[in-house]
């Protein structure tokens, strides 16, 4: 198997498999007897309880999110790059543009609609970090850094029995996300010719 296929599989696969499986893999890798602690121990360092220490939660969550979404986002941007007309690059080369200038004056303007669409869609999920992975990774000892709106709503509503309070918080979260989508689309439409609507 070539290196290219290995990199593609490692980067695309986490997006296509269940969040529960990804969290299970993270838990296995970062457990006290996991591969990461074996590597630390082989370098003469102490074993670390990654999942039981709240100071590591953000790093684990962000790094695993990058790992999970990197392949999918690369597919989207690679497809946008493949739609660029090669004659634009040829014209830029004839005009004396080096690789950096080709990126600035050909590549980025041609993929701007994709960048803008992805930005607007991501802005709409700004407050919705995601319930599943946070809930599966967190423990009561890590609540101080791992608690997000969706897990707070779950604990207050279903575990605490405060259904109306949880519904109000969830509705407010959805309204703020809707406001972010509308505002970002308005700003993009005002300052460029691209927008979602």
C-alpha atoms as a PDB file:
ATOM      1  CA  UNK A   1       0.000   0.000   0.000  1.00  0.00           C
ATOM      2  CA  UNK A   2       1.405   3.390  -0.939  1.00  0.00           C
ATOM      3  CA  UNK A   3       1.994   6.216   1.538  1.00  0.00           C
ATOM      4  CA  UNK A   4      -0.651   8.299  -0.234  1.00  0.00           C
ATOM      5  CA  UNK A   5      -3.337   5.664   0.374  1.00  0.00           C
ATOM      6  CA  UNK A   6      -2.294   5.257   4.018  1.00  0.00           C
ATOM      7  CA  UNK A   7      -2.505   9.027   4.618  1.00  0.00           C
ATOM      8  CA  UNK A   8      -5.895   9.179   2.885  1.00  0.00           C
ATOM      9  CA  UNK A   9      -7.264   6.299   4.944  1.00  0.00           C
ATOM     10  CA  UNK A  10      -5.954   7.676   8.244  1.00  0.00           C
ATOM     11  CA  UNK A  11      -7.306  11.161   7.528  1.00  0.00           C
ATOM     12  CA  UNK A  12     -10.682  10.263   5.917  1.00  0.00           C
ATOM     13  CA  UNK A  13     -11.718   7.341   8.117  1.00  0.00           C
ATOM     14  CA  UNK A  14     -12.439   9.195  11.406  1.00  0.00           C
ATOM     15  CA  UNK A  15     -15.140  11.297   9.718  1.00  0.00           C
ATOM     16  CA  UNK A  16     -16.864   8.226   8.329  1.00  0.00           C
ATOM     17  CA  UNK A  17     -16.941   6.145  11.514  1.00  0.00           C
ATOM     18  CA  UNK A  18     -19.152   6.676  14.530  1.00  0.00           C
ATOM     19  CA  UNK A  19     -18.255   9.236  17.195  1.00  0.00           C
ATOM     20  CA  UNK A  20     -18.533   6.460  19.783  1.00  0.00           C
ATOM     21  CA  UNK A  21     -15.847   4.467  17.963  1.00  0.00           C
ATOM     22  CA  UNK A  22     -13.598   7.549  17.669  1.00  0.00           C
ATOM     23  CA  UNK A  23     -13.966   8.241  21.403  1.00  0.00           C
ATOM     24  CA  UNK A  24     -13.240   4.581  22.102  1.00  0.00           C
ATOM     25  CA  UNK A  25     -10.040   4.829  20.062  1.00  0.00           C
ATOM     26  CA  UNK A  26      -9.056   8.020  21.910  1.00  0.00           C
ATOM     27  CA  UNK A  27      -9.720   6.335  25.251  1.00  0.00           C
ATOM     28  CA  UNK A  28      -7.597   3.341  24.276  1.00  0.00           C
ATOM     29  CA  UNK A  29      -4.733   5.507  22.977  1.00  0.00           C
ATOM     30  CA  UNK A  30      -4.728   7.768  26.057  1.00  0.00           C
ATOM     31  CA  UNK A  31      -5.440   5.204  28.779  1.00  0.00           C
ATOM     32  CA  UNK A  32      -2.776   4.616  31.445  1.00  0.00           C
ATOM     33  CA  UNK A  33      -1.754   1.459  29.527  1.00  0.00           C
ATOM     34  CA  UNK A  34      -2.307   3.030  26.099  1.00  0.00           C
ATOM     35  CA  UNK A  35       0.141   3.659  23.289  1.00  0.00           C
ATOM     36  CA  UNK A  36       0.724   7.328  24.193  1.00  0.00           C
ATOM     37  CA  UNK A  37       1.732   6.485  27.763  1.00  0.00           C
ATOM     38  CA  UNK A  38       3.947   3.652  26.507  1.00  0.00           C
ATOM     39  CA  UNK A  39       5.725   6.177  24.267  1.00  0.00           C
ATOM     40  CA  UNK A  40       6.093   8.615  27.176  1.00  0.00           C
ATOM     41  CA  UNK A  41       7.459   5.870  29.410  1.00  0.00           C
ATOM     42  CA  UNK A  42       9.935   4.745  26.733  1.00  0.00           C
ATOM     43  CA  UNK A  43      11.264   8.323  26.633  1.00  0.00           C
ATOM     44  CA  UNK A  44      11.785   8.266  30.404  1.00  0.00           C
ATOM     45  CA  UNK A  45       8.718  10.314  31.310  1.00  0.00           C
ATOM     46  CA  UNK A  46       5.934   9.575  33.794  1.00  0.00           C
ATOM     47  CA  UNK A  47       2.612   8.117  32.708  1.00  0.00           C
ATOM     48  CA  UNK A  48      -0.154  10.730  32.492  1.00  0.00           C
ATOM     49  CA  UNK A  49      -3.855  10.235  33.264  1.00  0.00           C
ATOM     50  CA  UNK A  50      -5.007  12.246  30.256  1.00  0.00           C
ATOM     51  CA  UNK A  51      -8.739  11.584  30.525  1.00  0.00           C
ATOM     52  CA  UNK A  52      -8.860  12.144  34.295  1.00  0.00           C
ATOM     53  CA  UNK A  53      -7.077  15.502  34.268  1.00  0.00           C
ATOM     54  CA  UNK A  54      -9.182  18.517  33.301  1.00  0.00           C
ATOM     55  CA  UNK A  55      -6.211  20.492  31.963  1.00  0.00           C
ATOM     56  CA  UNK A  56      -5.805  18.037  29.061  1.00  0.00           C
ATOM     57  CA  UNK A  57      -9.480  17.944  28.019  1.00  0.00           C
ATOM     58  CA  UNK A  58      -9.426  20.943  25.651  1.00  0.00           C
ATOM     59  CA  UNK A  59      -6.268  19.755  23.927  1.00  0.00           C
ATOM     60  CA  UNK A  60      -7.675  16.238  23.489  1.00  0.00           C
ATOM     61  CA  UNK A  61     -11.028  17.541  22.230  1.00  0.00           C
ATOM     62  CA  UNK A  62      -9.532  20.008  19.735  1.00  0.00           C
ATOM     63  CA  UNK A  63      -6.848  17.610  18.460  1.00  0.00           C
ATOM     64  CA  UNK A  64      -9.367  14.805  18.001  1.00  0.00           C
ATOM     65  CA  UNK A  65     -11.737  17.228  16.233  1.00  0.00           C
ATOM     66  CA  UNK A  66      -8.989  18.223  13.818  1.00  0.00           C
ATOM     67  CA  UNK A  67      -8.161  14.556  13.234  1.00  0.00           C
ATOM     68  CA  UNK A  68     -11.844  13.728  12.717  1.00  0.00           C
ATOM     69  CA  UNK A  69     -12.628  16.556  10.261  1.00  0.00           C
ATOM     70  CA  UNK A  70      -9.318  17.048   8.433  1.00  0.00           C
ATOM     71  CA  UNK A  71      -9.973  14.410   5.786  1.00  0.00           C
ATOM     72  CA  UNK A  72     -13.543  15.520   5.056  1.00  0.00           C
ATOM     73  CA  UNK A  73     -12.566  19.180   4.740  1.00  0.00           C
ATOM     74  CA  UNK A  74      -9.648  18.251   2.512  1.00  0.00           C
ATOM     75  CA  UNK A  75     -12.062  16.395   0.193  1.00  0.00           C
ATOM     76  CA  UNK A  76     -14.241  19.515  -0.071  1.00  0.00           C
ATOM     77  CA  UNK A  77     -11.323  21.839  -0.812  1.00  0.00           C
ATOM     78  CA  UNK A  78      -9.622  19.382  -3.179  1.00  0.00           C
ATOM     79  CA  UNK A  79     -12.825  19.146  -5.192  1.00  0.00           C
ATOM     80  CA  UNK A  80     -12.984  22.953  -5.307  1.00  0.00           C
ATOM     81  CA  UNK A  81      -9.351  23.055  -6.461  1.00  0.00           C
ATOM     82  CA  UNK A  82      -9.998  20.471  -9.177  1.00  0.00           C
ATOM     83  CA  UNK A  83     -12.674  22.753 -10.694  1.00  0.00           C
ATOM     84  CA  UNK A  84     -10.179  25.551 -11.377  1.00  0.00           C
ATOM     85  CA  UNK A  85      -9.548  26.006 -15.088  1.00  0.00           C
ATOM     86  CA  UNK A  86      -5.890  25.063 -15.845  1.00  0.00           C
ATOM     87  CA  UNK A  87      -5.689  27.814 -18.463  1.00  0.00           C
ATOM     88  CA  UNK A  88      -5.799  30.370 -15.620  1.00  0.00           C
ATOM     89  CA  UNK A  89      -2.551  28.939 -14.252  1.00  0.00           C
ATOM     90  CA  UNK A  90      -1.030  28.873 -17.725  1.00  0.00           C
ATOM     91  CA  UNK A  91      -1.924  32.535 -18.239  1.00  0.00           C
ATOM     92  CA  UNK A  92      -0.447  33.401 -14.845  1.00  0.00           C
ATOM     93  CA  UNK A  93       2.792  31.603 -15.718  1.00  0.00           C
ATOM     94  CA  UNK A  94       2.991  33.462 -19.041  1.00  0.00           C
ATOM     95  CA  UNK A  95       2.521  36.717 -17.111  1.00  0.00           C
ATOM     96  CA  UNK A  96       5.482  35.745 -14.920  1.00  0.00           C
ATOM     97  CA  UNK A  97       3.662  34.703 -11.733  1.00  0.00           C
ATOM     98  CA  UNK A  98       5.571  32.429  -9.378  1.00  0.00           C
ATOM     99  CA  UNK A  99       3.802  29.764  -7.244  1.00  0.00           C
ATOM    100  CA  UNK A 100       2.937  32.207  -4.443  1.00  0.00           C
ATOM    101  CA  UNK A 101       1.393  34.701  -6.843  1.00  0.00           C
ATOM    102  CA  UNK A 102      -0.526  31.895  -8.555  1.00  0.00           C
ATOM    103  CA  UNK A 103      -1.980  30.957  -5.164  1.00  0.00           C
ATOM    104  CA  UNK A 104      -2.850  34.576  -4.323  1.00  0.00           C
ATOM    105  CA  UNK A 105      -4.267  35.643  -7.695  1.00  0.00           C
ATOM    106  CA  UNK A 106      -5.677  32.375  -9.128  1.00  0.00           C
ATOM    107  CA  UNK A 107      -6.265  29.692  -6.495  1.00  0.00           C
ATOM    108  CA  UNK A 108      -7.750  31.743  -3.639  1.00  0.00           C
ATOM    109  CA  UNK A 109     -10.149  33.790  -5.821  1.00  0.00           C
ATOM    110  CA  UNK A 110     -11.354  30.607  -7.537  1.00  0.00           C
ATOM    111  CA  UNK A 111     -12.107  28.761  -4.276  1.00  0.00           C
ATOM    112  CA  UNK A 112     -13.539  31.823  -2.500  1.00  0.00           C
ATOM    113  CA  UNK A 113     -17.172  30.644  -2.915  1.00  0.00           C
ATOM    114  CA  UNK A 114     -16.309  27.351  -1.201  1.00  0.00           C
ATOM    115  CA  UNK A 115     -14.431  29.128   1.578  1.00  0.00           C
ATOM    116  CA  UNK A 116     -17.356  31.506   2.148  1.00  0.00           C
ATOM    117  CA  UNK A 117     -19.947  28.722   2.149  1.00  0.00           C
ATOM    118  CA  UNK A 118     -17.941  26.682   4.651  1.00  0.00           C
ATOM    119  CA  UNK A 119     -17.400  29.769   6.828  1.00  0.00           C
ATOM    120  CA  UNK A 120     -21.112  30.608   6.957  1.00  0.00           C
ATOM    121  CA  UNK A 121     -22.078  27.015   7.750  1.00  0.00           C
ATOM    122  CA  UNK A 122     -19.416  26.777  10.478  1.00  0.00           C
ATOM    123  CA  UNK A 123     -20.531  30.076  12.010  1.00  0.00           C
ATOM    124  CA  UNK A 124     -23.989  28.611  12.454  1.00  0.00           C
ATOM    125  CA  UNK A 125     -22.520  25.859  14.616  1.00  0.00           C
ATOM    126  CA  UNK A 126     -20.380  28.170  16.722  1.00  0.00           C
ATOM    127  CA  UNK A 127     -22.169  27.481  20.004  1.00  0.00           C
ATOM    128  CA  UNK A 128     -23.067  23.880  19.145  1.00  0.00           C
ATOM    129  CA  UNK A 129     -19.750  22.257  19.910  1.00  0.00           C
ATOM    130  CA  UNK A 130     -21.292  18.819  19.768  1.00  0.00           C
ATOM    131  CA  UNK A 131     -22.865  16.761  22.457  1.00  0.00           C
ATOM    132  CA  UNK A 132     -21.726  13.229  21.678  1.00  0.00           C
ATOM    133  CA  UNK A 133     -17.951  13.508  21.868  1.00  0.00           C
ATOM    134  CA  UNK A 134     -17.952  15.858  24.842  1.00  0.00           C
ATOM    135  CA  UNK A 135     -20.389  13.668  26.766  1.00  0.00           C
ATOM    136  CA  UNK A 136     -18.449  10.496  26.022  1.00  0.00           C
ATOM    137  CA  UNK A 137     -15.060  12.000  26.899  1.00  0.00           C
ATOM    138  CA  UNK A 138     -16.018  13.893  30.028  1.00  0.00           C
ATOM    139  CA  UNK A 139     -16.108  12.696  33.609  1.00  0.00           C
ATOM    140  CA  UNK A 140     -17.330  14.545  36.720  1.00  0.00           C
ATOM    141  CA  UNK A 141     -13.725  15.400  37.535  1.00  0.00           C
ATOM    142  CA  UNK A 142     -13.339  17.237  34.202  1.00  0.00           C
ATOM    143  CA  UNK A 143     -16.642  19.183  34.259  1.00  0.00           C
ATOM    144  CA  UNK A 144     -14.844  22.460  34.969  1.00  0.00           C
ATOM    145  CA  UNK A 145     -13.287  22.469  31.490  1.00  0.00           C
ATOM    146  CA  UNK A 146     -15.380  19.956  29.552  1.00  0.00           C
ATOM    147  CA  UNK A 147     -18.894  21.241  30.169  1.00  0.00           C
ATOM    148  CA  UNK A 148     -20.558  22.830  27.121  1.00  0.00           C
ATOM    149  CA  UNK A 149     -24.091  24.117  26.573  1.00  0.00           C
ATOM    150  CA  UNK A 150     -25.451  20.814  25.242  1.00  0.00           C
ATOM    151  CA  UNK A 151     -24.091  18.706  28.120  1.00  0.00           C
ATOM    152  CA  UNK A 152     -25.294  21.320  30.622  1.00  0.00           C
ATOM    153  CA  UNK A 153     -28.781  21.204  29.075  1.00  0.00           C
ATOM    154  CA  UNK A 154     -28.737  17.394  29.186  1.00  0.00           C
ATOM    155  CA  UNK A 155     -27.758  17.282  32.866  1.00  0.00           C
ATOM    156  CA  UNK A 156     -30.223  20.005  33.873  1.00  0.00           C
ATOM    157  CA  UNK A 157     -33.115  18.693  31.792  1.00  0.00           C
ATOM    158  CA  UNK A 158     -32.938  14.907  31.839  1.00  0.00           C
ATOM    159  CA  UNK A 159     -30.888  14.221  34.947  1.00  0.00           C
ATOM    160  CA  UNK A 160     -32.107  17.171  37.020  1.00  0.00           C
ATOM    161  CA  UNK A 161     -35.731  17.147  35.857  1.00  0.00           C
ATOM    162  CA  UNK A 162     -35.748  20.882  34.966  1.00  0.00           C
ATOM    163  CA  UNK A 163     -37.309  20.398  31.550  1.00  0.00           C
ATOM    164  CA  UNK A 164     -38.543  23.973  31.007  1.00  0.00           C
ATOM    165  CA  UNK A 165     -35.166  25.469  31.979  1.00  0.00           C
ATOM    166  CA  UNK A 166     -33.292  23.068  29.672  1.00  0.00           C
ATOM    167  CA  UNK A 167     -35.716  23.768  26.819  1.00  0.00           C
ATOM    168  CA  UNK A 168     -35.245  27.530  27.262  1.00  0.00           C
ATOM    169  CA  UNK A 169     -31.443  27.215  27.201  1.00  0.00           C
ATOM    170  CA  UNK A 170     -31.587  24.956  24.135  1.00  0.00           C
ATOM    171  CA  UNK A 171     -33.951  27.337  22.323  1.00  0.00           C
ATOM    172  CA  UNK A 172     -31.735  30.327  23.165  1.00  0.00           C
ATOM    173  CA  UNK A 173     -28.694  28.417  21.848  1.00  0.00           C
ATOM    174  CA  UNK A 174     -30.510  27.668  18.579  1.00  0.00           C
ATOM    175  CA  UNK A 175     -31.631  31.284  18.176  1.00  0.00           C
ATOM    176  CA  UNK A 176     -28.092  32.592  18.717  1.00  0.00           C
ATOM    177  CA  UNK A 177     -26.776  30.107  16.117  1.00  0.00           C
ATOM    178  CA  UNK A 178     -29.491  31.242  13.669  1.00  0.00           C
ATOM    179  CA  UNK A 179     -28.506  34.864  14.303  1.00  0.00           C
ATOM    180  CA  UNK A 180     -24.849  34.006  13.559  1.00  0.00           C
ATOM    181  CA  UNK A 181     -25.801  32.385  10.230  1.00  0.00           C
ATOM    182  CA  UNK A 182     -27.963  35.344   9.163  1.00  0.00           C
ATOM    183  CA  UNK A 183     -25.380  37.931  10.298  1.00  0.00           C
ATOM    184  CA  UNK A 184     -22.434  36.175   8.635  1.00  0.00           C
ATOM    185  CA  UNK A 185     -24.393  35.734   5.403  1.00  0.00           C
ATOM    186  CA  UNK A 186     -25.375  39.424   5.476  1.00  0.00           C
ATOM    187  CA  UNK A 187     -21.758  40.534   6.045  1.00  0.00           C
ATOM    188  CA  UNK A 188     -20.442  38.257   3.309  1.00  0.00           C
ATOM    189  CA  UNK A 189     -23.110  39.425   0.846  1.00  0.00           C
ATOM    190  CA  UNK A 190     -22.361  43.048   1.701  1.00  0.00           C
ATOM    191  CA  UNK A 191     -18.592  42.816   1.181  1.00  0.00           C
ATOM    192  CA  UNK A 192     -18.429  40.266  -1.653  1.00  0.00           C
ATOM    193  CA  UNK A 193     -20.583  38.917  -4.466  1.00  0.00           C
ATOM    194  CA  UNK A 194     -20.957  35.483  -2.833  1.00  0.00           C
ATOM    195  CA  UNK A 195     -23.473  34.360  -0.205  1.00  0.00           C
ATOM    196  CA  UNK A 196     -25.761  31.449   0.614  1.00  0.00           C
ATOM    197  CA  UNK A 197     -28.928  33.406  -0.168  1.00  0.00           C
END
